[in-house]
Amino acid sequence: MLTIKRVSVMCVAIVVVVAAYATGRAAAQGTSGKTFVSPGGTQLKVLVDGASLGGNEVEIGELTFAPNSDSGDHQHGVTETFYLLEGDLEQVVNGKPVKLTPGMAVSIRSTDHVQHKTGPKGARALVIWAPGGEIARVTARWKAK
């Protein structure tokens, strides 16, 4: 089931502060602080990974989608939560389109099929994968920047 909510700025601020703390604590370990680029031009900046967190409970990244991008239909092995920071992002979840605008969040279960689509301005979002381990799978075909 798809969950969409307006999330307060305070909640996002807490996530960003935790991510910044964890990134600063162990930036030299794991993938934290690194940026990866997909074949389609989407960029993932890793904010929190297992090494920086000291466990595999969650991973956090900042995704920057290129203008007019389309990820294609895919699934993740974990729950994926997006908080849209800027731009417009359409999530097609199990064939149902859901348009996100800044300040909106959506959680997608591991059993859902999802497609991420942007308009002419692209989009930037925080992505949270729980449990962790998804960064390695997602970036296996991406290039380190």
N, C-alpha and C. Protein backbone atom coordinates (compact mmCIF):
# COMPACT_ATOMS: atom_id res chain seq x y z
N MET A 1 0.84 -1.18 0.00
CA MET A 1 0.00 0.00 0.00
C MET A 1 0.88 1.24 0.00
N LEU A 2 0.47 2.23 -0.72
CA LEU A 2 1.21 3.47 -0.90
C LEU A 2 0.79 4.46 0.19
N THR A 3 1.76 5.13 0.81
CA THR A 3 1.47 6.12 1.83
C THR A 3 2.06 7.45 1.40
N ILE A 4 1.23 8.49 1.37
CA ILE A 4 1.70 9.83 1.01
C ILE A 4 1.28 10.77 2.13
N LYS A 5 2.21 11.62 2.56
CA LYS A 5 1.92 12.58 3.61
C LYS A 5 2.70 13.85 3.39
N ARG A 6 2.14 14.95 3.85
CA ARG A 6 2.92 16.18 3.98
C ARG A 6 3.73 16.01 5.25
N VAL A 7 5.00 16.25 5.16
CA VAL A 7 5.89 16.07 6.30
C VAL A 7 6.38 17.44 6.73
N SER A 8 6.43 17.66 8.03
CA SER A 8 6.86 18.96 8.52
C SER A 8 8.33 19.19 8.24
N VAL A 9 8.68 20.45 8.11
CA VAL A 9 10.07 20.84 7.88
C VAL A 9 10.93 20.37 9.04
N MET A 10 10.38 20.35 10.25
CA MET A 10 11.14 19.92 11.42
C MET A 10 11.57 18.46 11.30
N CYS A 11 10.70 17.58 10.82
CA CYS A 11 11.06 16.17 10.66
C CYS A 11 12.20 16.02 9.66
N VAL A 12 12.12 16.75 8.57
CA VAL A 12 13.18 16.68 7.56
C VAL A 12 14.46 17.24 8.14
N ALA A 13 14.38 18.31 8.90
CA ALA A 13 15.57 18.89 9.52
C ALA A 13 16.25 17.88 10.42
N ILE A 14 15.48 17.10 11.16
CA ILE A 14 16.04 16.08 12.04
C ILE A 14 16.77 15.03 11.22
N VAL A 15 16.17 14.58 10.12
CA VAL A 15 16.82 13.58 9.26
C VAL A 15 18.12 14.14 8.70
N VAL A 16 18.10 15.38 8.25
CA VAL A 16 19.30 15.99 7.67
C VAL A 16 20.40 16.13 8.71
N VAL A 17 20.05 16.52 9.93
CA VAL A 17 21.04 16.66 11.00
C VAL A 17 21.64 15.30 11.34
N VAL A 18 20.81 14.26 11.44
CA VAL A 18 21.32 12.92 11.72
C VAL A 18 22.23 12.46 10.59
N ALA A 19 21.81 12.71 9.35
CA ALA A 19 22.61 12.32 8.19
C ALA A 19 23.95 13.05 8.20
N ALA A 20 23.93 14.34 8.47
CA ALA A 20 25.17 15.12 8.49
C ALA A 20 26.10 14.64 9.60
N TYR A 21 25.53 14.32 10.76
CA TYR A 21 26.34 13.82 11.87
C TYR A 21 26.98 12.49 11.50
N ALA A 22 26.18 11.58 10.98
CA ALA A 22 26.70 10.26 10.64
C ALA A 22 27.73 10.35 9.52
N THR A 23 27.49 11.22 8.54
CA THR A 23 28.43 11.39 7.43
C THR A 23 29.75 11.94 7.95
N GLY A 24 29.70 12.93 8.81
CA GLY A 24 30.91 13.51 9.37
C GLY A 24 31.65 12.56 10.27
N ARG A 25 30.92 11.68 10.96
CA ARG A 25 31.50 10.75 11.90
C ARG A 25 32.36 9.70 11.21
N ALA A 26 31.95 9.28 10.02
CA ALA A 26 32.68 8.19 9.39
C ALA A 26 32.72 8.34 7.87
N ALA A 27 32.97 9.55 7.40
CA ALA A 27 32.96 9.79 5.96
C ALA A 27 34.01 8.97 5.22
N ALA A 28 35.09 8.61 5.89
CA ALA A 28 36.16 7.87 5.22
C ALA A 28 35.82 6.39 5.06
N GLN A 29 34.77 5.92 5.72
CA GLN A 29 34.41 4.52 5.65
C GLN A 29 33.25 4.33 4.68
N GLY A 30 33.13 3.15 4.13
CA GLY A 30 31.98 2.81 3.29
C GLY A 30 31.80 3.76 2.13
N THR A 31 30.53 4.01 1.77
CA THR A 31 30.20 4.88 0.64
C THR A 31 29.71 6.24 1.08
N SER A 32 29.59 6.48 2.38
CA SER A 32 29.08 7.75 2.88
C SER A 32 29.90 8.91 2.34
N GLY A 33 29.20 9.92 1.81
CA GLY A 33 29.85 11.09 1.25
C GLY A 33 30.17 10.95 -0.24
N LYS A 34 30.06 9.75 -0.78
CA LYS A 34 30.35 9.53 -2.19
C LYS A 34 29.12 9.83 -3.04
N THR A 35 29.35 10.14 -4.32
CA THR A 35 28.28 10.39 -5.27
C THR A 35 28.40 9.40 -6.41
N PHE A 36 27.27 8.86 -6.82
CA PHE A 36 27.20 7.91 -7.93
C PHE A 36 26.27 8.48 -8.99
N VAL A 37 26.52 8.13 -10.26
CA VAL A 37 25.70 8.62 -11.38
C VAL A 37 25.19 7.42 -12.17
N SER A 38 23.88 7.39 -12.41
CA SER A 38 23.26 6.30 -13.17
C SER A 38 23.50 6.51 -14.67
N PRO A 39 23.30 5.47 -15.48
CA PRO A 39 23.42 5.64 -16.93
C PRO A 39 22.49 6.72 -17.49
N GLY A 40 21.35 6.97 -16.82
CA GLY A 40 20.40 7.99 -17.27
C GLY A 40 20.67 9.38 -16.72
N GLY A 41 21.71 9.53 -15.89
CA GLY A 41 22.07 10.84 -15.36
C GLY A 41 21.58 11.16 -13.96
N THR A 42 20.85 10.26 -13.32
CA THR A 42 20.43 10.49 -11.93
C THR A 42 21.65 10.38 -11.03
N GLN A 43 21.76 11.30 -10.07
CA GLN A 43 22.88 11.29 -9.13
C GLN A 43 22.40 10.91 -7.74
N LEU A 44 23.17 10.06 -7.07
CA LEU A 44 22.90 9.67 -5.69
C LEU A 44 24.09 10.07 -4.84
N LYS A 45 23.86 11.00 -3.92
CA LYS A 45 24.88 11.37 -2.93
C LYS A 45 24.54 10.60 -1.67
N VAL A 46 25.46 9.74 -1.23
CA VAL A 46 25.22 8.90 -0.05
C VAL A 46 25.45 9.74 1.20
N LEU A 47 24.42 9.85 2.03
CA LEU A 47 24.52 10.60 3.28
C LEU A 47 24.78 9.69 4.47
N VAL A 48 24.09 8.55 4.52
CA VAL A 48 24.26 7.59 5.62
C VAL A 48 24.25 6.19 5.02
N ASP A 49 25.28 5.41 5.32
CA ASP A 49 25.31 4.01 4.93
C ASP A 49 25.62 3.18 6.17
N GLY A 50 25.74 1.87 5.98
CA GLY A 50 25.98 0.99 7.12
C GLY A 50 27.25 1.31 7.87
N ALA A 51 28.30 1.69 7.16
CA ALA A 51 29.58 1.99 7.81
C ALA A 51 29.48 3.24 8.67
N SER A 52 28.82 4.29 8.16
CA SER A 52 28.74 5.53 8.93
C SER A 52 27.75 5.41 10.08
N LEU A 53 26.74 4.57 9.90
CA LEU A 53 25.74 4.37 10.95
C LEU A 53 26.21 3.40 12.01
N GLY A 54 27.05 2.46 11.60
CA GLY A 54 27.48 1.43 12.53
C GLY A 54 26.46 0.30 12.60
N GLY A 55 25.63 0.18 11.58
CA GLY A 55 24.61 -0.87 11.53
C GLY A 55 23.90 -0.82 10.19
N ASN A 56 23.00 -1.74 9.97
CA ASN A 56 22.33 -1.86 8.69
C ASN A 56 20.84 -1.52 8.76
N GLU A 57 20.45 -0.70 9.74
CA GLU A 57 19.03 -0.41 9.93
C GLU A 57 18.45 0.47 8.84
N VAL A 58 19.26 1.40 8.31
CA VAL A 58 18.75 2.38 7.35
C VAL A 58 19.90 2.95 6.52
N GLU A 59 19.58 3.39 5.31
CA GLU A 59 20.51 4.14 4.48
C GLU A 59 19.77 5.38 3.99
N ILE A 60 20.49 6.50 3.88
CA ILE A 60 19.89 7.76 3.45
C ILE A 60 20.75 8.36 2.35
N GLY A 61 20.09 8.83 1.31
CA GLY A 61 20.80 9.48 0.22
C GLY A 61 20.03 10.67 -0.30
N GLU A 62 20.70 11.46 -1.10
CA GLU A 62 20.07 12.58 -1.80
C GLU A 62 20.11 12.24 -3.28
N LEU A 63 18.93 12.11 -3.88
CA LEU A 63 18.82 11.80 -5.30
C LEU A 63 18.52 13.06 -6.08
N THR A 64 19.27 13.29 -7.15
CA THR A 64 19.01 14.40 -8.06
C THR A 64 18.68 13.79 -9.41
N PHE A 65 17.43 13.95 -9.81
CA PHE A 65 16.95 13.41 -11.08
C PHE A 65 17.12 14.45 -12.18
N ALA A 66 17.62 14.03 -13.31
CA ALA A 66 17.78 14.91 -14.48
C ALA A 66 16.40 15.31 -15.00
N PRO A 67 16.32 16.45 -15.69
CA PRO A 67 15.05 16.84 -16.32
C PRO A 67 14.55 15.75 -17.27
N ASN A 68 13.23 15.58 -17.27
CA ASN A 68 12.55 14.64 -18.17
C ASN A 68 13.10 13.22 -18.08
N SER A 69 13.46 12.80 -16.88
CA SER A 69 14.00 11.45 -16.71
C SER A 69 12.90 10.45 -16.38
N ASP A 70 13.18 9.20 -16.63
CA ASP A 70 12.26 8.10 -16.38
C ASP A 70 13.10 6.90 -15.97
N SER A 71 12.92 6.44 -14.76
CA SER A 71 13.74 5.33 -14.24
C SER A 71 13.38 3.99 -14.85
N GLY A 72 12.22 3.90 -15.46
CA GLY A 72 11.73 2.60 -15.90
C GLY A 72 11.15 1.86 -14.70
N ASP A 73 10.29 0.91 -14.97
CA ASP A 73 9.64 0.14 -13.91
C ASP A 73 10.66 -0.76 -13.22
N HIS A 74 10.66 -0.74 -11.89
CA HIS A 74 11.59 -1.57 -11.13
C HIS A 74 11.05 -1.83 -9.72
N GLN A 75 11.73 -2.67 -8.98
CA GLN A 75 11.41 -2.97 -7.59
C GLN A 75 12.68 -2.82 -6.76
N HIS A 76 12.48 -2.53 -5.48
CA HIS A 76 13.60 -2.50 -4.53
C HIS A 76 13.41 -3.64 -3.55
N GLY A 77 14.48 -4.07 -2.94
CA GLY A 77 14.41 -5.17 -1.99
C GLY A 77 14.01 -4.75 -0.59
N VAL A 78 13.82 -3.43 -0.41
CA VAL A 78 13.49 -2.88 0.91
C VAL A 78 12.45 -1.78 0.73
N THR A 79 11.95 -1.25 1.84
CA THR A 79 11.04 -0.10 1.78
C THR A 79 11.84 1.13 1.37
N GLU A 80 11.29 1.88 0.42
CA GLU A 80 11.94 3.09 -0.10
C GLU A 80 11.03 4.27 0.21
N THR A 81 11.56 5.26 0.92
CA THR A 81 10.78 6.44 1.26
C THR A 81 11.44 7.67 0.64
N PHE A 82 10.65 8.46 -0.07
CA PHE A 82 11.12 9.69 -0.70
C PHE A 82 10.53 10.89 0.03
N TYR A 83 11.34 11.92 0.23
CA TYR A 83 10.86 13.23 0.67
C TYR A 83 11.33 14.21 -0.39
N LEU A 84 10.40 14.82 -1.12
CA LEU A 84 10.77 15.69 -2.24
C LEU A 84 11.21 17.06 -1.74
N LEU A 85 12.43 17.45 -2.10
CA LEU A 85 13.01 18.73 -1.71
C LEU A 85 12.71 19.82 -2.72
N GLU A 86 12.83 19.50 -4.02
CA GLU A 86 12.54 20.50 -5.06
C GLU A 86 12.18 19.79 -6.36
N GLY A 87 11.48 20.53 -7.22
CA GLY A 87 11.05 20.00 -8.50
C GLY A 87 9.72 19.27 -8.38
N ASP A 88 9.39 18.52 -9.40
CA ASP A 88 8.19 17.70 -9.42
C ASP A 88 8.60 16.28 -9.76
N LEU A 89 8.02 15.34 -9.05
CA LEU A 89 8.36 13.93 -9.25
C LEU A 89 7.07 13.13 -9.29
N GLU A 90 6.90 12.39 -10.35
CA GLU A 90 5.75 11.49 -10.44
C GLU A 90 6.25 10.09 -10.14
N GLN A 91 5.63 9.47 -9.15
CA GLN A 91 5.92 8.08 -8.81
C GLN A 91 4.77 7.25 -9.37
N VAL A 92 5.08 6.31 -10.22
CA VAL A 92 4.05 5.39 -10.71
C VAL A 92 4.23 4.11 -9.92
N VAL A 93 3.29 3.86 -9.00
CA VAL A 93 3.39 2.72 -8.09
C VAL A 93 2.30 1.72 -8.45
N ASN A 94 2.74 0.55 -8.86
CA ASN A 94 1.80 -0.50 -9.28
C ASN A 94 0.82 0.02 -10.33
N GLY A 95 1.33 0.85 -11.24
CA GLY A 95 0.52 1.38 -12.34
C GLY A 95 -0.28 2.62 -12.01
N LYS A 96 -0.25 3.08 -10.76
CA LYS A 96 -1.02 4.27 -10.35
C LYS A 96 -0.09 5.46 -10.18
N PRO A 97 -0.29 6.53 -10.97
CA PRO A 97 0.59 7.71 -10.85
C PRO A 97 0.26 8.55 -9.62
N VAL A 98 1.31 9.00 -8.95
CA VAL A 98 1.19 9.86 -7.78
C VAL A 98 2.17 11.01 -7.99
N LYS A 99 1.66 12.24 -8.06
CA LYS A 99 2.51 13.40 -8.28
C LYS A 99 2.95 13.98 -6.94
N LEU A 100 4.26 14.11 -6.77
CA LEU A 100 4.83 14.71 -5.56
C LEU A 100 5.31 16.12 -5.87
N THR A 101 5.05 17.02 -4.94
CA THR A 101 5.59 18.37 -4.99
C THR A 101 6.43 18.57 -3.73
N PRO A 102 7.29 19.59 -3.70
CA PRO A 102 8.16 19.77 -2.54
C PRO A 102 7.37 19.75 -1.22
N GLY A 103 7.93 19.04 -0.25
CA GLY A 103 7.31 18.90 1.06
C GLY A 103 6.46 17.65 1.20
N MET A 104 6.34 16.87 0.13
CA MET A 104 5.56 15.64 0.19
C MET A 104 6.48 14.44 0.32
N ALA A 105 5.95 13.39 0.93
CA ALA A 105 6.71 12.15 1.11
C ALA A 105 5.87 10.97 0.64
N VAL A 106 6.54 9.93 0.21
CA VAL A 106 5.89 8.70 -0.21
C VAL A 106 6.76 7.52 0.21
N SER A 107 6.12 6.46 0.69
CA SER A 107 6.83 5.22 1.02
C SER A 107 6.36 4.13 0.08
N ILE A 108 7.31 3.38 -0.43
CA ILE A 108 7.03 2.34 -1.40
C ILE A 108 7.57 1.03 -0.83
N ARG A 109 6.69 0.05 -0.71
CA ARG A 109 7.09 -1.24 -0.14
C ARG A 109 7.92 -2.05 -1.14
N SER A 110 8.64 -3.01 -0.61
CA SER A 110 9.51 -3.84 -1.45
C SER A 110 8.72 -4.68 -2.45
N THR A 111 7.46 -4.91 -2.21
CA THR A 111 6.63 -5.70 -3.12
C THR A 111 6.03 -4.85 -4.24
N ASP A 112 6.14 -3.51 -4.13
CA ASP A 112 5.58 -2.61 -5.14
C ASP A 112 6.50 -2.48 -6.35
N HIS A 113 5.89 -2.26 -7.51
CA HIS A 113 6.63 -1.89 -8.72
C HIS A 113 6.56 -0.37 -8.81
N VAL A 114 7.69 0.28 -9.08
CA VAL A 114 7.72 1.74 -9.09
C VAL A 114 8.48 2.25 -10.31
N GLN A 115 8.09 3.44 -10.71
CA GLN A 115 8.76 4.15 -11.80
C GLN A 115 8.83 5.61 -11.37
N HIS A 116 10.02 6.23 -11.46
CA HIS A 116 10.22 7.62 -11.08
C HIS A 116 10.32 8.46 -12.35
N LYS A 117 9.47 9.50 -12.47
CA LYS A 117 9.47 10.34 -13.67
C LYS A 117 9.54 11.81 -13.26
N THR A 118 10.34 12.58 -14.00
CA THR A 118 10.43 14.02 -13.72
C THR A 118 9.98 14.82 -14.93
N GLY A 119 9.72 16.09 -14.69
CA GLY A 119 9.37 17.03 -15.75
C GLY A 119 10.59 17.81 -16.19
N PRO A 120 10.38 18.94 -16.83
CA PRO A 120 11.49 19.72 -17.40
C PRO A 120 12.46 20.32 -16.38
N LYS A 121 12.07 20.41 -15.12
CA LYS A 121 12.96 20.98 -14.10
C LYS A 121 13.74 19.91 -13.34
N GLY A 122 13.44 18.63 -13.58
CA GLY A 122 14.08 17.58 -12.80
C GLY A 122 13.53 17.58 -11.37
N ALA A 123 14.23 16.93 -10.46
CA ALA A 123 13.78 16.86 -9.07
C ALA A 123 14.95 16.48 -8.17
N ARG A 124 14.83 16.86 -6.90
CA ARG A 124 15.81 16.50 -5.88
C ARG A 124 15.06 16.00 -4.66
N ALA A 125 15.47 14.83 -4.14
CA ALA A 125 14.73 14.22 -3.03
C ALA A 125 15.68 13.52 -2.07
N LEU A 126 15.26 13.45 -0.81
CA LEU A 126 15.93 12.56 0.14
C LEU A 126 15.31 11.19 -0.07
N VAL A 127 16.13 10.16 -0.08
CA VAL A 127 15.63 8.79 -0.17
C VAL A 127 16.13 8.04 1.05
N ILE A 128 15.22 7.29 1.66
CA ILE A 128 15.55 6.51 2.85
C ILE A 128 15.21 5.06 2.53
N TRP A 129 16.19 4.18 2.64
CA TRP A 129 15.96 2.76 2.44
C TRP A 129 16.07 2.06 3.78
N ALA A 130 15.04 1.27 4.12
CA ALA A 130 15.04 0.54 5.38
C ALA A 130 14.53 -0.87 5.14
N PRO A 131 15.28 -1.87 5.59
CA PRO A 131 16.62 -1.75 6.16
C PRO A 131 17.64 -1.36 5.09
N GLY A 132 18.87 -1.18 5.54
CA GLY A 132 19.94 -0.79 4.63
C GLY A 132 20.37 -1.92 3.71
N GLY A 133 21.39 -1.64 2.91
CA GLY A 133 21.91 -2.62 1.96
C GLY A 133 21.52 -2.32 0.53
N GLU A 134 20.62 -1.37 0.33
CA GLU A 134 20.11 -1.07 -1.00
C GLU A 134 21.08 -0.23 -1.82
N ILE A 135 21.92 0.57 -1.19
CA ILE A 135 22.85 1.43 -1.93
C ILE A 135 23.76 0.58 -2.82
N ALA A 136 24.29 -0.49 -2.28
CA ALA A 136 25.19 -1.35 -3.06
C ALA A 136 24.46 -1.95 -4.26
N ARG A 137 23.21 -2.35 -4.08
CA ARG A 137 22.44 -2.94 -5.17
C ARG A 137 22.12 -1.89 -6.23
N VAL A 138 21.67 -0.70 -5.80
CA VAL A 138 21.29 0.36 -6.72
C VAL A 138 22.49 0.85 -7.52
N THR A 139 23.62 1.02 -6.87
CA THR A 139 24.78 1.63 -7.54
C THR A 139 25.68 0.61 -8.25
N ALA A 140 25.30 -0.65 -8.26
CA ALA A 140 26.13 -1.69 -8.89
C ALA A 140 26.38 -1.38 -10.37
N ARG A 141 25.42 -0.74 -11.04
CA ARG A 141 25.57 -0.41 -12.46
C ARG A 141 25.86 1.09 -12.66
N TRP A 142 26.02 1.84 -11.58
CA TRP A 142 26.28 3.27 -11.66
C TRP A 142 27.78 3.53 -11.57
N LYS A 143 28.21 4.73 -11.95
CA LYS A 143 29.62 5.10 -11.85
C LYS A 143 29.83 6.02 -10.67
N ALA A 144 30.93 5.82 -9.94
CA ALA A 144 31.32 6.72 -8.86
C ALA A 144 31.77 8.03 -9.50
N LYS A 145 31.38 9.14 -8.92
CA LYS A 145 31.73 10.46 -9.45
C LYS A 145 32.99 10.96 -8.78
